[in-house]
PDB file of N, CA and C in Angstrom:
ATOM      1  N   MET A   1      -1.953  17.238 189.116  1.00  0.00           N
ATOM      2  CA  MET A   1      -2.315  16.503 187.920  1.00  0.00           C
ATOM      3  C   MET A   1      -2.260  14.992 188.175  1.00  0.00           C
ATOM      4  N   GLN A   2      -1.202  14.553 188.924  1.00  0.00           N
ATOM      5  CA  GLN A   2      -1.070  13.132 189.238  1.00  0.00           C
ATOM      6  C   GLN A   2      -2.234  12.654 190.106  1.00  0.00           C
ATOM      7  N   ALA A   3      -2.675  13.509 191.020  1.00  0.00           N
ATOM      8  CA  ALA A   3      -3.804  13.151 191.879  1.00  0.00           C
ATOM      9  C   ALA A   3      -5.082  12.976 191.060  1.00  0.00           C
ATOM     10  N   LEU A   4      -5.253  13.795 190.063  1.00  0.00           N
ATOM     11  CA  LEU A   4      -6.430  13.670 189.198  1.00  0.00           C
ATOM     12  C   LEU A   4      -6.391  12.367 188.411  1.00  0.00           C
ATOM     13  N   ILE A   5      -5.223  12.014 187.913  1.00  0.00           N
ATOM     14  CA  ILE A   5      -5.079  10.743 187.180  1.00  0.00           C
ATOM     15  C   ILE A   5      -5.341   9.565 188.103  1.00  0.00           C
ATOM     16  N   ASP A   6      -4.808   9.634 189.341  1.00  0.00           N
ATOM     17  CA  ASP A   6      -5.061   8.566 190.311  1.00  0.00           C
ATOM     18  C   ASP A   6      -6.543   8.472 190.663  1.00  0.00           C
ATOM     19  N   LEU A   7      -7.197   9.601 190.766  1.00  0.00           N
ATOM     20  CA  LEU A   7      -8.630   9.616 191.077  1.00  0.00           C
ATOM     21  C   LEU A   7      -9.437   8.986 189.947  1.00  0.00           C
ATOM     22  N   ILE A   8      -9.101   9.325 188.727  1.00  0.00           N
ATOM     23  CA  ILE A   8      -9.811   8.757 187.571  1.00  0.00           C
ATOM     24  C   ILE A   8      -9.537   7.261 187.454  1.00  0.00           C
ATOM     25  N   ALA A   9      -8.292   6.843 187.684  1.00  0.00           N
ATOM     26  CA  ALA A   9      -7.958   5.416 187.620  1.00  0.00           C
ATOM     27  C   ALA A   9      -8.691   4.643 188.707  1.00  0.00           C
ATOM     28  N   GLY A  10      -8.755   5.191 189.906  1.00  0.00           N
ATOM     29  CA  GLY A  10      -9.488   4.546 190.993  1.00  0.00           C
ATOM     30  C   GLY A  10     -10.967   4.428 190.699  1.00  0.00           C
ATOM     31  N   PHE A  11     -11.518   5.463 190.098  1.00  0.00           N
ATOM     32  CA  PHE A  11     -12.933   5.429 189.724  1.00  0.00           C
ATOM     33  C   PHE A  11     -13.194   4.358 188.669  1.00  0.00           C
ATOM     34  N   LEU A  12     -12.285   4.238 187.696  1.00  0.00           N
ATOM     35  CA  LEU A  12     -12.450   3.207 186.663  1.00  0.00           C
ATOM     36  C   LEU A  12     -12.355   1.806 187.248  1.00  0.00           C
ATOM     37  N   VAL A  13     -11.452   1.611 188.191  1.00  0.00           N
ATOM     38  CA  VAL A  13     -11.331   0.302 188.840  1.00  0.00           C
ATOM     39  C   VAL A  13     -12.590  -0.005 189.641  1.00  0.00           C
ATOM     40  N   LEU A  14     -13.108   0.976 190.339  1.00  0.00           N
ATOM     41  CA  LEU A  14     -14.348   0.791 191.102  1.00  0.00           C
ATOM     42  C   LEU A  14     -15.515   0.481 190.176  1.00  0.00           C
ATOM     43  N   LEU A  15     -15.576   1.166 189.056  1.00  0.00           N
ATOM     44  CA  LEU A  15     -16.633   0.928 188.077  1.00  0.00           C
ATOM     45  C   LEU A  15     -16.527  -0.475 187.478  1.00  0.00           C
ATOM     46  N   ALA A  16     -15.306  -0.902 187.157  1.00  0.00           N
ATOM     47  CA  ALA A  16     -15.109  -2.246 186.601  1.00  0.00           C
ATOM     48  C   ALA A  16     -15.452  -3.316 187.624  1.00  0.00           C
ATOM     49  N   ALA A  17     -15.077  -3.111 188.880  1.00  0.00           N
ATOM     50  CA  ALA A  17     -15.380  -4.098 189.917  1.00  0.00           C
ATOM     51  C   ALA A  17     -16.884  -4.211 190.148  1.00  0.00           C
ATOM     52  N   SER A  18     -17.585  -3.083 190.116  1.00  0.00           N
ATOM     53  CA  SER A  18     -19.041  -3.146 190.313  1.00  0.00           C
ATOM     54  C   SER A  18     -19.734  -3.778 189.111  1.00  0.00           C
ATOM     55  N   ALA A  19     -19.208  -3.566 187.910  1.00  0.00           N
ATOM     56  CA  ALA A  19     -19.799  -4.195 186.723  1.00  0.00           C
ATOM     57  C   ALA A  19     -19.570  -5.700 186.743  1.00  0.00           C
ATOM     58  N   LEU A  20     -18.378  -6.131 187.147  1.00  0.00           N
ATOM     59  CA  LEU A  20     -18.098  -7.568 187.215  1.00  0.00           C
ATOM     60  C   LEU A  20     -18.862  -8.242 188.351  1.00  0.00           C
ATOM     61  N   ALA A  21     -19.133  -7.505 189.420  1.00  0.00           N
ATOM     62  CA  ALA A  21     -19.877  -8.060 190.549  1.00  0.00           C
ATOM     63  C   ALA A  21     -21.316  -8.392 190.157  1.00  0.00           C
ATOM     64  N   GLN A  22     -21.828  -7.714 189.157  1.00  0.00           N
ATOM     65  CA  GLN A  22     -23.190  -8.007 188.693  1.00  0.00           C
ATOM     66  C   GLN A  22     -23.286  -9.410 188.096  1.00  0.00           C
ATOM     67  N   PHE A  23     -22.177  -9.919 187.579  1.00  0.00           N
ATOM     68  CA  PHE A  23     -22.151 -11.256 186.989  1.00  0.00           C
ATOM     69  C   PHE A  23     -21.580 -12.301 187.934  1.00  0.00           C
ATOM     70  N   GLY A  24     -21.288 -11.933 189.179  1.00  0.00           N
ATOM     71  CA  GLY A  24     -20.795 -12.887 190.160  1.00  0.00           C
ATOM     72  C   GLY A  24     -19.290 -13.058 190.155  1.00  0.00           C
ATOM     73  N   VAL A  25     -18.570 -12.186 189.495  1.00  0.00           N
ATOM     74  CA  VAL A  25     -17.112 -12.266 189.462  1.00  0.00           C
ATOM     75  C   VAL A  25     -16.554 -11.405 190.583  1.00  0.00           C
ATOM     76  N   GLU A  26     -15.676 -11.987 191.393  1.00  0.00           N
ATOM     77  CA  GLU A  26     -15.046 -11.234 192.469  1.00  0.00           C
ATOM     78  C   GLU A  26     -13.574 -11.043 192.161  1.00  0.00           C
ATOM     79  N   ILE A  27     -13.066  -9.884 192.507  1.00  0.00           N
ATOM     80  CA  ILE A  27     -11.654  -9.593 192.256  1.00  0.00           C
ATOM     81  C   ILE A  27     -10.780 -10.326 193.263  1.00  0.00           C
ATOM     82  N   ARG A  28     -11.187 -10.348 194.517  1.00  0.00           N
ATOM     83  CA  ARG A  28     -10.401 -10.998 195.558  1.00  0.00           C
ATOM     84  C   ARG A  28     -10.624 -12.500 195.524  1.00  0.00           C
ATOM     85  N   ARG A  29      -9.539 -13.230 195.678  1.00  0.00           N
ATOM     86  CA  ARG A  29      -9.632 -14.686 195.728  1.00  0.00           C
ATOM     87  C   ARG A  29      -9.873 -15.120 197.166  1.00  0.00           C
ATOM     88  N   PRO A  30     -10.855 -15.987 197.420  1.00  0.00           N
ATOM     89  CA  PRO A  30     -11.107 -16.405 198.801  1.00  0.00           C
ATOM     90  C   PRO A  30      -9.935 -17.225 199.330  1.00  0.00           C
ATOM     91  N   ALA A  31      -9.666 -17.054 200.600  1.00  0.00           N
ATOM     92  CA  ALA A  31      -8.570 -17.786 201.236  1.00  0.00           C
ATOM     93  C   ALA A  31      -8.953 -19.258 201.384  1.00  0.00           C
ATOM     94  N   ASP A  32      -8.010 -20.126 201.104  1.00  0.00           N
ATOM     95  CA  ASP A  32      -8.246 -21.556 201.251  1.00  0.00           C
ATOM     96  C   ASP A  32      -8.066 -21.940 202.716  1.00  0.00           C
ATOM     97  N   ASP A  33      -9.169 -22.328 203.353  1.00  0.00           N
ATOM     98  CA  ASP A  33      -9.099 -22.682 204.763  1.00  0.00           C
ATOM     99  C   ASP A  33      -8.463 -24.052 204.961  1.00  0.00           C
ATOM    100  N   GLN A  34      -8.825 -24.990 204.125  1.00  0.00           N
ATOM    101  CA  GLN A  34      -8.317 -26.341 204.283  1.00  0.00           C
ATOM    102  C   GLN A  34      -7.535 -26.733 203.034  1.00  0.00           C
ATOM    103  N   PRO A  35      -6.421 -27.418 203.225  1.00  0.00           N
ATOM    104  CA  PRO A  35      -5.653 -27.849 202.052  1.00  0.00           C
ATOM    105  C   PRO A  35      -6.369 -28.970 201.310  1.00  0.00           C
ATOM    106  N   GLU A  36      -5.999 -29.128 200.076  1.00  0.00           N
ATOM    107  CA  GLU A  36      -6.589 -30.181 199.261  1.00  0.00           C
ATOM    108  C   GLU A  36      -6.073 -31.541 199.725  1.00  0.00           C
ATOM    109  N   VAL A  37      -6.951 -32.511 199.835  1.00  0.00           N
ATOM    110  CA  VAL A  37      -6.575 -33.852 200.293  1.00  0.00           C
ATOM    111  C   VAL A  37      -6.675 -34.799 199.114  1.00  0.00           C
ATOM    112  N   ARG A  38      -5.596 -35.505 198.866  1.00  0.00           N
ATOM    113  CA  ARG A  38      -5.593 -36.499 197.792  1.00  0.00           C
ATOM    114  C   ARG A  38      -5.390 -37.871 198.394  1.00  0.00           C
ATOM    115  N   ARG A  39      -6.235 -38.773 198.064  1.00  0.00           N
ATOM    116  CA  ARG A  39      -6.136 -40.127 198.598  1.00  0.00           C
ATOM    117  C   ARG A  39      -5.278 -40.975 197.667  1.00  0.00           C
ATOM    118  N   VAL A  40      -4.440 -41.784 198.276  1.00  0.00           N
ATOM    119  CA  VAL A  40      -3.585 -42.683 197.509  1.00  0.00           C
ATOM    120  C   VAL A  40      -3.935 -44.112 197.894  1.00  0.00           C
ATOM    121  N   SER A  41      -3.654 -45.034 197.005  1.00  0.00           N
ATOM    122  CA  SER A  41      -3.974 -46.424 197.292  1.00  0.00           C
ATOM    123  C   SER A  41      -2.783 -47.100 197.956  1.00  0.00           C
ATOM    124  N   ASP A  42      -3.067 -48.110 198.750  1.00  0.00           N
ATOM    125  CA  ASP A  42      -2.013 -48.882 199.402  1.00  0.00           C
ATOM    126  C   ASP A  42      -1.320 -49.773 198.391  1.00  0.00           C
ATOM    127  N   CYS A  43      -0.065 -50.082 198.664  1.00  0.00           N
ATOM    128  CA  CYS A  43       0.677 -50.988 197.783  1.00  0.00           C
ATOM    129  C   CYS A  43       0.140 -52.413 197.914  1.00  0.00           C
ATOM    130  N   VAL A  44      -0.326 -52.765 199.104  1.00  0.00           N
ATOM    131  CA  VAL A  44      -0.834 -54.118 199.342  1.00  0.00           C
ATOM    132  C   VAL A  44      -2.135 -54.333 198.564  1.00  0.00           C
ATOM    133  N   ALA A  45      -2.904 -53.302 198.405  1.00  0.00           N
ATOM    134  CA  ALA A  45      -4.179 -53.434 197.704  1.00  0.00           C
ATOM    135  C   ALA A  45      -3.974 -53.750 196.225  1.00  0.00           C
ATOM    136  N   SER A  46      -2.811 -53.408 195.677  1.00  0.00           N
ATOM    137  CA  SER A  46      -2.589 -53.654 194.256  1.00  0.00           C
ATOM    138  C   SER A  46      -2.107 -55.077 193.991  1.00  0.00           C
ATOM    139  N   GLY A  47      -1.942 -55.907 195.037  1.00  0.00           N
ATOM    140  CA  GLY A  47      -1.576 -57.300 194.845  1.00  0.00           C
ATOM    141  C   GLY A  47      -0.096 -57.585 195.032  1.00  0.00           C
ATOM    142  N   THR A  48       0.716 -56.570 195.210  1.00  0.00           N
ATOM    143  CA  THR A  48       2.133 -56.801 195.434  1.00  0.00           C
ATOM    144  C   THR A  48       2.427 -56.735 196.917  1.00  0.00           C
ATOM    145  N   GLY A  49       3.330 -57.563 197.366  1.00  0.00           N
ATOM    146  CA  GLY A  49       3.713 -57.589 198.767  1.00  0.00           C
ATOM    147  C   GLY A  49       4.850 -56.620 199.032  1.00  0.00           C
ATOM    148  N   PRO A  50       5.408 -56.699 200.228  1.00  0.00           N
ATOM    149  CA  PRO A  50       6.530 -55.817 200.538  1.00  0.00           C
ATOM    150  C   PRO A  50       7.762 -56.203 199.714  1.00  0.00           C
ATOM    151  N   ALA A  51       8.647 -55.234 199.477  1.00  0.00           N
ATOM    152  CA  ALA A  51       9.839 -55.483 198.671  1.00  0.00           C
ATOM    153  C   ALA A  51      10.830 -56.369 199.407  1.00  0.00           C
ATOM    154  N   ALA A  52      10.904 -56.257 200.727  1.00  0.00           N
ATOM    155  CA  ALA A  52      11.834 -57.071 201.513  1.00  0.00           C
ATOM    156  C   ALA A  52      11.181 -57.419 202.840  1.00  0.00           C
ATOM    157  N   LEU A  53      11.498 -58.602 203.343  1.00  0.00           N
ATOM    158  CA  LEU A  53      10.979 -59.045 204.626  1.00  0.00           C
ATOM    159  C   LEU A  53      12.159 -59.297 205.541  1.00  0.00           C
ATOM    160  N   VAL A  54      12.223 -58.597 206.646  1.00  0.00           N
ATOM    161  CA  VAL A  54      13.345 -58.715 207.576  1.00  0.00           C
ATOM    162  C   VAL A  54      12.824 -59.289 208.867  1.00  0.00           C
ATOM    163  N   THR A  55      13.482 -60.335 209.343  1.00  0.00           N
ATOM    164  CA  THR A  55      13.142 -60.922 210.637  1.00  0.00           C
ATOM    165  C   THR A  55      14.311 -60.757 211.589  1.00  0.00           C
ATOM    166  N   VAL A  56      14.008 -60.412 212.828  1.00  0.00           N
ATOM    167  CA  VAL A  56      15.041 -60.208 213.835  1.00  0.00           C
ATOM    168  C   VAL A  56      14.723 -61.112 214.997  1.00  0.00           C
ATOM    169  N   GLU A  57      15.719 -61.889 215.413  1.00  0.00           N
ATOM    170  CA  GLU A  57      15.549 -62.755 216.578  1.00  0.00           C
ATOM    171  C   GLU A  57      15.968 -61.995 217.816  1.00  0.00           C
ATOM    172  N   PRO A  58      15.175 -62.083 218.876  1.00  0.00           N
ATOM    173  CA  PRO A  58      15.520 -61.358 220.100  1.00  0.00           C
ATOM    174  C   PRO A  58      16.764 -61.980 220.764  1.00  0.00           C
ATOM    175  N   LYS A  59      17.645 -61.125 221.274  1.00  0.00           N
ATOM    176  CA  LYS A  59      18.839 -61.586 221.974  1.00  0.00           C
ATOM    177  C   LYS A  59      18.629 -61.366 223.458  1.00  0.00           C
ATOM    178  N   CYS A  60      18.490 -62.476 224.215  1.00  0.00           N
ATOM    179  CA  CYS A  60      18.270 -62.358 225.644  1.00  0.00           C
ATOM    180  C   CYS A  60      19.447 -62.859 226.412  1.00  0.00           C
TER     181      CYS A  60
END
């Protein structure tokens, strides 16, 4: 009896997937090959300079 229920459920899933495929809907999500890249602006471009300026004299 359980096998019959599993068979009917599988058939319904197959039927739903084929009906959705007619409209271009896919059940599986495509794998993302490349990560999303977000560009950020430089701090210098916004008109502000560095927060601190450190100078080091060489010791010879």
